[in-house]
Amino acid sequence: MKRIGLSILLLFFVQISSWAQEENLQVEVIQKGKVIPMDNGIINLKSDAFTFEITSNNIEGFLIGATYDRDLYRSAIGEADLEVPWFNSFAIADENHNPNKELIISDQVPTYWFYKNAIEHRFDSAPKGNAEEWVGQRTIEVLNNLSSYETVPLSKFKDTVYVYFYSPVYDEHYNLTEAIILYHAALKFK
């Protein structure tokens, strides 16, 4: 009886240990100090600045595709069958500490957001944590469209931006074999 109890206890600890090492990313969208809920994949926002609050467990960095193109977004999340250029190109890195308060929009390349330590990261000042577990905020005031070289303040934007956060998996030849979806949403501005 004692052995069965010890075996169950050991199994329980192994399960907790493997759960604690799982990778996950939680994303909340905050505007005017309130978490804005998602409804059927859509987050309705006012045409004003907002913040992504990201809580990460065992994910140091991830790629973000941001687009105005609904069909590209639908293809990325598996609802349509177009080629997704984000998956075929290398990412560009945003600036350290998010000085421009921008979200880069591109149908061709994703951007790379990461937290390495308190000095090296792509978030607003003072993210908390370490490379394994961290919480960072990234304020967005401007949309920077790489293809048109146009920068649009959110206060003047009344449309939808589609965002897709993912973790790429590559083979030994650096070919993308899988894109693990971490988060996706349609951000609708009114």
N, C-alpha and C. Protein backbone atom coordinates (compact mmCIF):
# COMPACT_ATOMS: atom_id res chain seq x y z
N MET A 1 0.83 -1.19 0.00
CA MET A 1 0.00 0.00 0.00
C MET A 1 0.87 1.25 0.00
N LYS A 2 1.98 1.17 0.78
CA LYS A 2 2.88 2.32 0.85
C LYS A 2 3.50 2.61 -0.52
N ARG A 3 3.84 1.55 -1.25
CA ARG A 3 4.45 1.71 -2.57
C ARG A 3 3.48 2.35 -3.55
N ILE A 4 2.24 1.98 -3.49
CA ILE A 4 1.23 2.56 -4.38
C ILE A 4 1.09 4.05 -4.08
N GLY A 5 1.03 4.38 -2.81
CA GLY A 5 0.92 5.79 -2.41
C GLY A 5 2.13 6.59 -2.86
N LEU A 6 3.33 6.02 -2.69
CA LEU A 6 4.54 6.72 -3.13
C LEU A 6 4.58 6.85 -4.65
N SER A 7 4.13 5.82 -5.35
CA SER A 7 4.09 5.88 -6.82
C SER A 7 3.15 6.97 -7.30
N ILE A 8 2.00 7.06 -6.68
CA ILE A 8 1.03 8.10 -7.05
C ILE A 8 1.60 9.49 -6.75
N LEU A 9 2.24 9.62 -5.61
CA LEU A 9 2.85 10.89 -5.23
C LEU A 9 3.96 11.28 -6.22
N LEU A 10 4.79 10.32 -6.62
CA LEU A 10 5.85 10.58 -7.59
C LEU A 10 5.26 11.00 -8.94
N LEU A 11 4.24 10.30 -9.39
CA LEU A 11 3.57 10.64 -10.64
C LEU A 11 3.00 12.06 -10.58
N PHE A 12 2.42 12.42 -9.47
CA PHE A 12 1.86 13.75 -9.27
C PHE A 12 2.94 14.83 -9.40
N PHE A 13 4.10 14.61 -8.76
CA PHE A 13 5.19 15.59 -8.84
C PHE A 13 5.77 15.69 -10.24
N VAL A 14 5.86 14.57 -10.96
CA VAL A 14 6.35 14.60 -12.33
C VAL A 14 5.41 15.41 -13.21
N GLN A 15 4.10 15.22 -13.02
CA GLN A 15 3.12 15.98 -13.80
C GLN A 15 3.23 17.47 -13.52
N ILE A 16 3.35 17.85 -12.26
CA ILE A 16 3.48 19.26 -11.89
C ILE A 16 4.76 19.83 -12.47
N SER A 17 5.84 19.07 -12.40
CA SER A 17 7.13 19.52 -12.93
C SER A 17 7.05 19.77 -14.43
N SER A 18 6.44 18.87 -15.18
CA SER A 18 6.34 19.06 -16.63
C SER A 18 5.38 20.19 -16.96
N TRP A 19 4.34 20.38 -16.19
CA TRP A 19 3.41 21.49 -16.40
C TRP A 19 4.11 22.82 -16.18
N ALA A 20 4.96 22.90 -15.17
CA ALA A 20 5.65 24.14 -14.85
C ALA A 20 6.63 24.54 -15.96
N GLN A 21 7.09 23.58 -16.76
CA GLN A 21 8.03 23.89 -17.82
C GLN A 21 7.35 24.16 -19.16
N GLU A 22 6.05 24.08 -19.23
CA GLU A 22 5.33 24.34 -20.46
C GLU A 22 5.54 25.75 -20.94
N GLU A 23 5.56 25.89 -22.27
CA GLU A 23 5.64 27.21 -22.86
C GLU A 23 4.23 27.75 -23.04
N ASN A 24 4.02 28.98 -22.62
CA ASN A 24 2.76 29.63 -22.95
C ASN A 24 2.92 31.14 -22.91
N LEU A 25 2.03 31.79 -23.61
CA LEU A 25 2.03 33.24 -23.71
C LEU A 25 0.60 33.71 -23.51
N GLN A 26 0.42 34.61 -22.58
CA GLN A 26 -0.90 35.19 -22.35
C GLN A 26 -0.82 36.65 -22.79
N VAL A 27 -1.78 37.07 -23.61
CA VAL A 27 -1.79 38.43 -24.12
C VAL A 27 -3.11 39.09 -23.73
N GLU A 28 -3.00 40.27 -23.15
CA GLU A 28 -4.19 41.07 -22.87
C GLU A 28 -4.02 42.40 -23.57
N VAL A 29 -5.13 42.94 -24.05
CA VAL A 29 -5.12 44.26 -24.67
C VAL A 29 -5.77 45.22 -23.69
N ILE A 30 -5.05 46.28 -23.37
CA ILE A 30 -5.50 47.24 -22.36
C ILE A 30 -5.63 48.61 -23.02
N GLN A 31 -6.75 49.27 -22.75
CA GLN A 31 -6.94 50.64 -23.24
C GLN A 31 -7.57 51.46 -22.14
N LYS A 32 -6.99 52.62 -21.87
CA LYS A 32 -7.46 53.51 -20.80
C LYS A 32 -7.53 52.78 -19.46
N GLY A 33 -6.57 51.89 -19.19
CA GLY A 33 -6.48 51.18 -17.92
C GLY A 33 -7.40 49.98 -17.77
N LYS A 34 -8.17 49.66 -18.81
CA LYS A 34 -9.10 48.52 -18.74
C LYS A 34 -8.70 47.43 -19.73
N VAL A 35 -8.82 46.18 -19.28
CA VAL A 35 -8.61 45.05 -20.19
C VAL A 35 -9.81 44.98 -21.11
N ILE A 36 -9.55 44.98 -22.41
CA ILE A 36 -10.62 44.93 -23.41
C ILE A 36 -10.82 43.46 -23.80
N PRO A 37 -12.03 42.94 -23.58
CA PRO A 37 -12.25 41.52 -23.87
C PRO A 37 -12.32 41.23 -25.37
N MET A 38 -11.97 40.01 -25.71
CA MET A 38 -12.09 39.55 -27.08
C MET A 38 -13.45 38.89 -27.25
N ASP A 39 -14.11 39.17 -28.36
CA ASP A 39 -15.40 38.56 -28.66
C ASP A 39 -15.32 37.96 -30.06
N ASN A 40 -15.35 36.64 -30.15
CA ASN A 40 -15.24 35.94 -31.43
C ASN A 40 -14.01 36.36 -32.23
N GLY A 41 -12.88 36.49 -31.55
CA GLY A 41 -11.64 36.83 -32.22
C GLY A 41 -11.44 38.31 -32.52
N ILE A 42 -12.40 39.14 -32.09
CA ILE A 42 -12.34 40.58 -32.36
C ILE A 42 -12.22 41.35 -31.06
N ILE A 43 -11.32 42.33 -31.05
CA ILE A 43 -11.20 43.24 -29.92
C ILE A 43 -11.57 44.63 -30.42
N ASN A 44 -12.65 45.18 -29.89
CA ASN A 44 -13.12 46.50 -30.29
C ASN A 44 -12.44 47.57 -29.46
N LEU A 45 -11.74 48.47 -30.15
CA LEU A 45 -10.98 49.52 -29.48
C LEU A 45 -11.40 50.90 -29.99
N LYS A 46 -11.19 51.89 -29.16
CA LYS A 46 -11.36 53.27 -29.60
C LYS A 46 -10.11 53.64 -30.39
N SER A 47 -10.21 54.61 -31.27
CA SER A 47 -9.06 55.07 -32.06
C SER A 47 -8.13 55.87 -31.17
N ASP A 48 -7.37 55.15 -30.37
CA ASP A 48 -6.48 55.75 -29.39
C ASP A 48 -5.41 54.72 -29.02
N ALA A 49 -4.42 55.16 -28.28
CA ALA A 49 -3.34 54.27 -27.85
C ALA A 49 -3.90 53.09 -27.05
N PHE A 50 -3.20 51.98 -27.13
CA PHE A 50 -3.53 50.80 -26.33
C PHE A 50 -2.23 50.10 -25.97
N THR A 51 -2.33 49.10 -25.12
CA THR A 51 -1.14 48.38 -24.66
C THR A 51 -1.37 46.88 -24.76
N PHE A 52 -0.39 46.17 -25.31
CA PHE A 52 -0.35 44.72 -25.20
C PHE A 52 0.34 44.42 -23.88
N GLU A 53 -0.31 43.65 -23.00
CA GLU A 53 0.37 43.16 -21.80
C GLU A 53 0.60 41.67 -22.01
N ILE A 54 1.86 41.30 -22.00
CA ILE A 54 2.25 39.94 -22.33
C ILE A 54 2.87 39.27 -21.12
N THR A 55 2.31 38.12 -20.76
CA THR A 55 2.85 37.29 -19.68
C THR A 55 3.39 36.03 -20.33
N SER A 56 4.67 35.78 -20.12
CA SER A 56 5.32 34.66 -20.79
C SER A 56 5.88 33.66 -19.79
N ASN A 57 5.73 32.40 -20.13
CA ASN A 57 6.31 31.31 -19.37
C ASN A 57 7.14 30.47 -20.33
N ASN A 58 8.47 30.52 -20.18
CA ASN A 58 9.40 29.74 -20.99
C ASN A 58 9.41 30.09 -22.47
N ILE A 59 9.05 31.33 -22.80
CA ILE A 59 9.18 31.83 -24.17
C ILE A 59 9.95 33.14 -24.08
N GLU A 60 11.17 33.12 -24.59
CA GLU A 60 11.99 34.34 -24.54
C GLU A 60 11.55 35.33 -25.60
N GLY A 61 11.21 34.83 -26.79
CA GLY A 61 10.82 35.71 -27.88
C GLY A 61 9.84 35.03 -28.81
N PHE A 62 9.22 35.83 -29.67
CA PHE A 62 8.23 35.32 -30.61
C PHE A 62 8.11 36.30 -31.77
N LEU A 63 7.51 35.85 -32.84
CA LEU A 63 7.32 36.68 -34.02
C LEU A 63 5.89 37.19 -34.06
N ILE A 64 5.75 38.38 -34.67
CA ILE A 64 4.42 38.97 -34.81
C ILE A 64 4.22 39.39 -36.26
N GLY A 65 3.16 38.87 -36.83
CA GLY A 65 2.71 39.37 -38.12
C GLY A 65 1.57 40.33 -37.84
N ALA A 66 1.62 41.51 -38.44
CA ALA A 66 0.54 42.50 -38.29
C ALA A 66 0.20 43.00 -39.69
N THR A 67 -1.08 42.98 -40.02
CA THR A 67 -1.50 43.31 -41.38
C THR A 67 -2.88 43.96 -41.39
N TYR A 68 -3.17 44.64 -42.50
CA TYR A 68 -4.53 45.14 -42.74
C TYR A 68 -5.30 44.13 -43.59
N ASP A 69 -4.63 43.13 -44.11
CA ASP A 69 -5.18 42.17 -45.06
C ASP A 69 -5.86 41.00 -44.34
N ARG A 70 -7.17 40.98 -44.38
CA ARG A 70 -7.95 39.95 -43.69
C ARG A 70 -7.64 38.55 -44.23
N ASP A 71 -7.48 38.43 -45.55
CA ASP A 71 -7.23 37.11 -46.15
C ASP A 71 -5.87 36.55 -45.74
N LEU A 72 -4.87 37.41 -45.66
CA LEU A 72 -3.55 36.97 -45.19
C LEU A 72 -3.65 36.46 -43.75
N TYR A 73 -4.34 37.22 -42.92
CA TYR A 73 -4.55 36.82 -41.52
C TYR A 73 -5.30 35.49 -41.44
N ARG A 74 -6.37 35.35 -42.21
CA ARG A 74 -7.15 34.10 -42.20
C ARG A 74 -6.30 32.91 -42.64
N SER A 75 -5.41 33.14 -43.59
CA SER A 75 -4.51 32.07 -44.03
C SER A 75 -3.54 31.69 -42.92
N ALA A 76 -3.03 32.68 -42.21
CA ALA A 76 -2.09 32.40 -41.12
C ALA A 76 -2.73 31.57 -40.02
N ILE A 77 -4.00 31.84 -39.72
CA ILE A 77 -4.65 31.08 -38.65
C ILE A 77 -5.33 29.80 -39.17
N GLY A 78 -5.18 29.53 -40.47
CA GLY A 78 -5.66 28.27 -41.02
C GLY A 78 -7.08 28.30 -41.54
N GLU A 79 -7.67 29.47 -41.74
CA GLU A 79 -9.05 29.56 -42.24
C GLU A 79 -9.13 29.81 -43.74
N ALA A 80 -8.03 30.11 -44.39
CA ALA A 80 -8.00 30.32 -45.84
C ALA A 80 -6.72 29.68 -46.36
N ASP A 81 -6.59 29.65 -47.68
CA ASP A 81 -5.48 28.89 -48.26
C ASP A 81 -4.59 29.75 -49.15
N LEU A 82 -4.10 30.85 -48.64
CA LEU A 82 -3.14 31.67 -49.36
C LEU A 82 -1.75 31.43 -48.78
N GLU A 83 -0.73 31.72 -49.56
CA GLU A 83 0.62 31.65 -49.03
C GLU A 83 0.81 32.78 -48.03
N VAL A 84 1.50 32.50 -46.95
CA VAL A 84 1.73 33.50 -45.91
C VAL A 84 3.21 33.92 -45.97
N PRO A 85 3.49 35.11 -46.54
CA PRO A 85 4.89 35.55 -46.67
C PRO A 85 5.64 35.64 -45.34
N TRP A 86 4.96 35.89 -44.25
CA TRP A 86 5.63 35.95 -42.94
C TRP A 86 6.42 34.68 -42.68
N PHE A 87 5.87 33.55 -43.14
CA PHE A 87 6.49 32.26 -42.85
C PHE A 87 7.72 31.98 -43.72
N ASN A 88 7.92 32.78 -44.76
CA ASN A 88 9.02 32.55 -45.70
C ASN A 88 10.14 33.58 -45.60
N SER A 89 10.12 34.40 -44.58
CA SER A 89 11.15 35.43 -44.49
C SER A 89 11.67 35.54 -43.06
N PHE A 90 12.80 36.19 -42.96
CA PHE A 90 13.37 36.44 -41.64
C PHE A 90 12.67 37.63 -41.02
N ALA A 91 12.64 37.66 -39.72
CA ALA A 91 11.98 38.75 -39.00
C ALA A 91 12.88 39.97 -38.91
N ILE A 92 12.24 41.11 -38.71
CA ILE A 92 12.99 42.32 -38.40
C ILE A 92 12.78 42.61 -36.92
N ALA A 93 13.78 43.19 -36.32
CA ALA A 93 13.70 43.47 -34.88
C ALA A 93 13.25 44.90 -34.65
N ASP A 94 12.31 45.07 -33.75
CA ASP A 94 11.93 46.41 -33.33
C ASP A 94 13.03 46.98 -32.46
N GLU A 95 12.92 48.25 -32.15
CA GLU A 95 13.93 48.90 -31.32
C GLU A 95 13.78 48.51 -29.86
N ASN A 96 14.90 48.54 -29.16
CA ASN A 96 14.91 48.27 -27.72
C ASN A 96 14.03 49.27 -26.98
N HIS A 97 13.26 48.81 -26.06
CA HIS A 97 12.45 49.62 -25.13
C HIS A 97 11.29 50.36 -25.80
N ASN A 98 10.95 50.01 -27.04
CA ASN A 98 9.77 50.55 -27.72
C ASN A 98 9.72 52.08 -27.72
N PRO A 99 10.77 52.78 -28.17
CA PRO A 99 10.79 54.24 -28.09
C PRO A 99 9.74 54.93 -28.97
N ASN A 100 9.36 54.29 -30.09
CA ASN A 100 8.42 54.92 -31.01
C ASN A 100 6.96 54.56 -30.74
N LYS A 101 6.74 53.67 -29.78
CA LYS A 101 5.38 53.25 -29.42
C LYS A 101 4.60 52.83 -30.68
N GLU A 102 5.23 51.94 -31.46
CA GLU A 102 4.63 51.60 -32.75
C GLU A 102 4.40 50.10 -32.90
N LEU A 103 3.49 49.79 -33.81
CA LEU A 103 3.27 48.43 -34.28
C LEU A 103 3.62 48.45 -35.76
N ILE A 104 4.56 47.62 -36.16
CA ILE A 104 4.97 47.58 -37.56
C ILE A 104 3.99 46.70 -38.33
N ILE A 105 3.46 47.27 -39.42
CA ILE A 105 2.52 46.57 -40.28
C ILE A 105 3.27 46.15 -41.54
N SER A 106 3.23 44.86 -41.86
CA SER A 106 3.88 44.37 -43.07
C SER A 106 3.26 43.04 -43.47
N ASP A 107 2.95 42.93 -44.77
CA ASP A 107 2.46 41.66 -45.29
C ASP A 107 3.61 40.73 -45.65
N GLN A 108 4.84 41.23 -45.63
CA GLN A 108 5.99 40.47 -46.09
C GLN A 108 6.85 39.88 -44.98
N VAL A 109 7.07 40.65 -43.91
CA VAL A 109 7.97 40.19 -42.85
C VAL A 109 7.33 40.37 -41.47
N PRO A 110 7.58 39.43 -40.58
CA PRO A 110 7.13 39.62 -39.19
C PRO A 110 8.16 40.43 -38.41
N THR A 111 7.78 40.86 -37.24
CA THR A 111 8.73 41.51 -36.34
C THR A 111 9.01 40.55 -35.18
N TYR A 112 10.11 40.81 -34.49
CA TYR A 112 10.55 39.94 -33.41
C TYR A 112 10.51 40.71 -32.11
N TRP A 113 9.72 40.23 -31.16
CA TRP A 113 9.65 40.81 -29.82
C TRP A 113 10.25 39.79 -28.87
N PHE A 114 11.05 40.26 -27.92
CA PHE A 114 11.65 39.34 -26.97
C PHE A 114 11.95 40.06 -25.66
N TYR A 115 12.16 39.25 -24.64
CA TYR A 115 12.64 39.74 -23.35
C TYR A 115 13.82 38.86 -22.97
N LYS A 116 15.00 39.46 -22.91
CA LYS A 116 16.19 38.72 -22.48
C LYS A 116 16.53 39.07 -21.04
N ASN A 117 16.47 40.36 -20.73
CA ASN A 117 16.72 40.84 -19.38
C ASN A 117 16.20 42.28 -19.29
N ALA A 118 16.42 42.94 -18.18
CA ALA A 118 15.87 44.29 -17.97
C ALA A 118 16.44 45.32 -18.94
N ILE A 119 17.56 45.01 -19.57
CA ILE A 119 18.18 45.95 -20.51
C ILE A 119 17.84 45.60 -21.96
N GLU A 120 17.84 44.32 -22.29
CA GLU A 120 17.57 43.89 -23.66
C GLU A 120 16.16 43.33 -23.79
N HIS A 121 15.27 44.14 -24.36
CA HIS A 121 13.88 43.72 -24.58
C HIS A 121 13.21 44.67 -25.56
N ARG A 122 12.04 44.30 -26.03
CA ARG A 122 11.29 45.11 -27.00
C ARG A 122 10.00 45.67 -26.39
N PHE A 123 10.01 45.90 -25.10
CA PHE A 123 8.81 46.35 -24.41
C PHE A 123 9.03 47.72 -23.79
N ASP A 124 7.97 48.30 -23.26
CA ASP A 124 8.09 49.57 -22.56
C ASP A 124 9.06 49.40 -21.39
N SER A 125 9.43 50.49 -20.79
CA SER A 125 10.36 50.45 -19.66
C SER A 125 9.83 49.57 -18.53
N ALA A 126 10.74 48.97 -17.83
CA ALA A 126 10.48 48.22 -16.59
C ALA A 126 9.61 46.97 -16.73
N PRO A 127 9.89 46.09 -17.71
CA PRO A 127 9.21 44.79 -17.65
C PRO A 127 9.73 44.04 -16.43
N LYS A 128 8.97 43.06 -15.99
CA LYS A 128 9.34 42.34 -14.77
C LYS A 128 9.60 40.87 -15.07
N GLY A 129 10.58 40.31 -14.38
CA GLY A 129 10.81 38.88 -14.49
C GLY A 129 12.21 38.55 -14.95
N ASN A 130 12.34 37.33 -15.49
CA ASN A 130 13.61 36.86 -16.02
C ASN A 130 13.33 36.21 -17.37
N ALA A 131 14.35 35.65 -18.01
CA ALA A 131 14.17 35.11 -19.36
C ALA A 131 13.15 33.97 -19.41
N GLU A 132 12.92 33.27 -18.30
CA GLU A 132 11.95 32.17 -18.29
C GLU A 132 10.52 32.64 -18.02
N GLU A 133 10.36 33.56 -17.10
CA GLU A 133 9.02 34.05 -16.74
C GLU A 133 9.08 35.57 -16.65
N TRP A 134 8.29 36.23 -17.49
CA TRP A 134 8.32 37.68 -17.50
C TRP A 134 6.96 38.26 -17.89
N VAL A 135 6.77 39.51 -17.52
CA VAL A 135 5.58 40.28 -17.90
C VAL A 135 6.08 41.59 -18.50
N GLY A 136 5.65 41.88 -19.71
CA GLY A 136 6.05 43.11 -20.38
C GLY A 136 4.85 43.79 -21.01
N GLN A 137 4.91 45.09 -21.06
CA GLN A 137 3.86 45.86 -21.73
C GLN A 137 4.47 46.56 -22.93
N ARG A 138 3.71 46.62 -23.99
CA ARG A 138 4.14 47.34 -25.19
C ARG A 138 3.00 48.27 -25.61
N THR A 139 3.23 49.55 -25.42
CA THR A 139 2.23 50.55 -25.77
C THR A 139 2.30 50.84 -27.26
N ILE A 140 1.13 50.93 -27.89
CA ILE A 140 1.04 51.22 -29.32
C ILE A 140 0.27 52.53 -29.49
N GLU A 141 0.93 53.51 -30.09
CA GLU A 141 0.30 54.80 -30.40
C GLU A 141 0.24 55.05 -31.89
N VAL A 142 1.10 54.32 -32.65
CA VAL A 142 1.28 54.57 -34.07
C VAL A 142 1.36 53.25 -34.82
N LEU A 143 0.79 53.22 -36.03
CA LEU A 143 0.95 52.08 -36.93
C LEU A 143 1.96 52.49 -37.99
N ASN A 144 3.01 51.69 -38.15
CA ASN A 144 4.07 51.99 -39.11
C ASN A 144 3.98 50.98 -40.25
N ASN A 145 3.42 51.41 -41.39
CA ASN A 145 3.23 50.54 -42.54
C ASN A 145 4.51 50.52 -43.36
N LEU A 146 5.23 49.40 -43.34
CA LEU A 146 6.51 49.31 -44.03
C LEU A 146 6.38 49.40 -45.54
N SER A 147 5.31 48.87 -46.12
CA SER A 147 5.21 48.85 -47.58
C SER A 147 4.90 50.23 -48.16
N SER A 148 4.16 51.06 -47.44
CA SER A 148 3.82 52.39 -47.97
C SER A 148 4.65 53.50 -47.33
N TYR A 149 5.52 53.13 -46.40
CA TYR A 149 6.34 54.11 -45.65
C TYR A 149 5.46 55.16 -44.97
N GLU A 150 4.29 54.71 -44.54
CA GLU A 150 3.33 55.61 -43.92
C GLU A 150 3.22 55.30 -42.43
N THR A 151 3.23 56.34 -41.62
CA THR A 151 3.03 56.20 -40.19
C THR A 151 1.70 56.85 -39.85
N VAL A 152 0.81 56.07 -39.23
CA VAL A 152 -0.54 56.56 -38.92
C VAL A 152 -0.75 56.55 -37.42
N PRO A 153 -1.04 57.72 -36.83
CA PRO A 153 -1.38 57.73 -35.40
C PRO A 153 -2.72 57.02 -35.19
N LEU A 154 -2.82 56.25 -34.13
CA LEU A 154 -4.07 55.53 -33.87
C LEU A 154 -5.25 56.48 -33.70
N SER A 155 -5.00 57.70 -33.27
CA SER A 155 -6.09 58.67 -33.10
C SER A 155 -6.79 58.98 -34.42
N LYS A 156 -6.13 58.68 -35.56
CA LYS A 156 -6.71 58.94 -36.89
C LYS A 156 -7.09 57.65 -37.62
N PHE A 157 -6.93 56.52 -36.98
CA PHE A 157 -7.15 55.23 -37.64
C PHE A 157 -8.52 54.67 -37.28
N LYS A 158 -9.31 54.34 -38.31
CA LYS A 158 -10.64 53.77 -38.09
C LYS A 158 -10.80 52.56 -39.02
N ASP A 159 -10.13 51.50 -38.70
CA ASP A 159 -10.16 50.29 -39.52
C ASP A 159 -9.74 49.12 -38.64
N THR A 160 -9.32 48.02 -39.26
CA THR A 160 -8.94 46.82 -38.52
C THR A 160 -7.48 46.46 -38.79
N VAL A 161 -6.79 46.07 -37.74
CA VAL A 161 -5.43 45.51 -37.84
C VAL A 161 -5.52 44.09 -37.32
N TYR A 162 -4.95 43.17 -38.08
CA TYR A 162 -4.94 41.76 -37.69
C TYR A 162 -3.55 41.42 -37.16
N VAL A 163 -3.50 40.84 -35.97
CA VAL A 163 -2.21 40.47 -35.37
C VAL A 163 -2.15 38.97 -35.13
N TYR A 164 -0.97 38.43 -35.33
CA TYR A 164 -0.73 37.00 -35.25
C TYR A 164 0.62 36.80 -34.57
N PHE A 165 0.61 36.32 -33.33
CA PHE A 165 1.84 36.06 -32.57
C PHE A 165 2.15 34.56 -32.72
N TYR A 166 3.37 34.24 -33.09
CA TYR A 166 3.69 32.83 -33.26
C TYR A 166 5.15 32.53 -32.94
N SER A 167 5.38 31.25 -32.69
CA SER A 167 6.72 30.75 -32.41
C SER A 167 7.10 29.82 -33.56
N PRO A 168 8.14 30.17 -34.32
CA PRO A 168 8.53 29.33 -35.45
C PRO A 168 9.35 28.12 -35.01
N VAL A 169 9.19 27.03 -35.74
CA VAL A 169 10.00 25.83 -35.53
C VAL A 169 10.72 25.57 -36.85
N TYR A 170 12.05 25.47 -36.79
CA TYR A 170 12.86 25.29 -37.99
C TYR A 170 13.55 23.94 -37.99
N ASP A 171 13.85 23.43 -39.20
CA ASP A 171 14.64 22.21 -39.30
C ASP A 171 16.13 22.57 -39.31
N GLU A 172 16.99 21.57 -39.53
CA GLU A 172 18.44 21.80 -39.48
C GLU A 172 18.94 22.71 -40.60
N HIS A 173 18.14 22.90 -41.66
CA HIS A 173 18.51 23.79 -42.77
C HIS A 173 17.85 25.16 -42.65
N TYR A 174 17.28 25.41 -41.51
CA TYR A 174 16.58 26.66 -41.19
C TYR A 174 15.36 26.90 -42.08
N ASN A 175 14.69 25.82 -42.44
CA ASN A 175 13.41 25.91 -43.14
C ASN A 175 12.32 25.83 -42.09
N LEU A 176 11.32 26.68 -42.22
CA LEU A 176 10.21 26.67 -41.28
C LEU A 176 9.43 25.37 -41.44
N THR A 177 9.28 24.62 -40.36
CA THR A 177 8.50 23.38 -40.42
C THR A 177 7.15 23.53 -39.74
N GLU A 178 7.06 24.51 -38.84
CA GLU A 178 5.80 24.70 -38.11
C GLU A 178 5.76 26.12 -37.54
N ALA A 179 4.57 26.69 -37.52
CA ALA A 179 4.35 27.98 -36.85
C ALA A 179 3.35 27.73 -35.73
N ILE A 180 3.82 27.77 -34.50
CA ILE A 180 2.96 27.51 -33.34
C ILE A 180 2.25 28.82 -32.99
N ILE A 181 0.94 28.81 -33.12
CA ILE A 181 0.15 30.01 -32.84
C ILE A 181 0.13 30.25 -31.33
N LEU A 182 0.56 31.44 -30.93
CA LEU A 182 0.54 31.83 -29.52
C LEU A 182 -0.65 32.73 -29.21
N TYR A 183 -1.05 33.54 -30.19
CA TYR A 183 -2.15 34.49 -29.98
C TYR A 183 -2.52 35.08 -31.34
N HIS A 184 -3.78 35.35 -31.52
CA HIS A 184 -4.19 36.10 -32.72
C HIS A 184 -5.49 36.83 -32.43
N ALA A 185 -5.65 37.98 -33.10
CA ALA A 185 -6.85 38.79 -32.88
C ALA A 185 -7.01 39.80 -34.01
N ALA A 186 -8.25 40.20 -34.23
CA ALA A 186 -8.56 41.32 -35.10
C ALA A 186 -8.80 42.52 -34.18
N LEU A 187 -7.98 43.55 -34.33
CA LEU A 187 -8.12 44.76 -33.52
C LEU A 187 -8.92 45.76 -34.34
N LYS A 188 -10.15 45.98 -33.95
CA LYS A 188 -11.06 46.85 -34.71
C LYS A 188 -11.14 48.20 -34.03
N PHE A 189 -10.74 49.25 -34.76
CA PHE A 189 -10.72 50.61 -34.20
C PHE A 189 -11.92 51.40 -34.70
N LYS A 190 -12.57 52.09 -33.76
CA LYS A 190 -13.76 52.91 -34.11
C LYS A 190 -13.55 54.33 -33.68
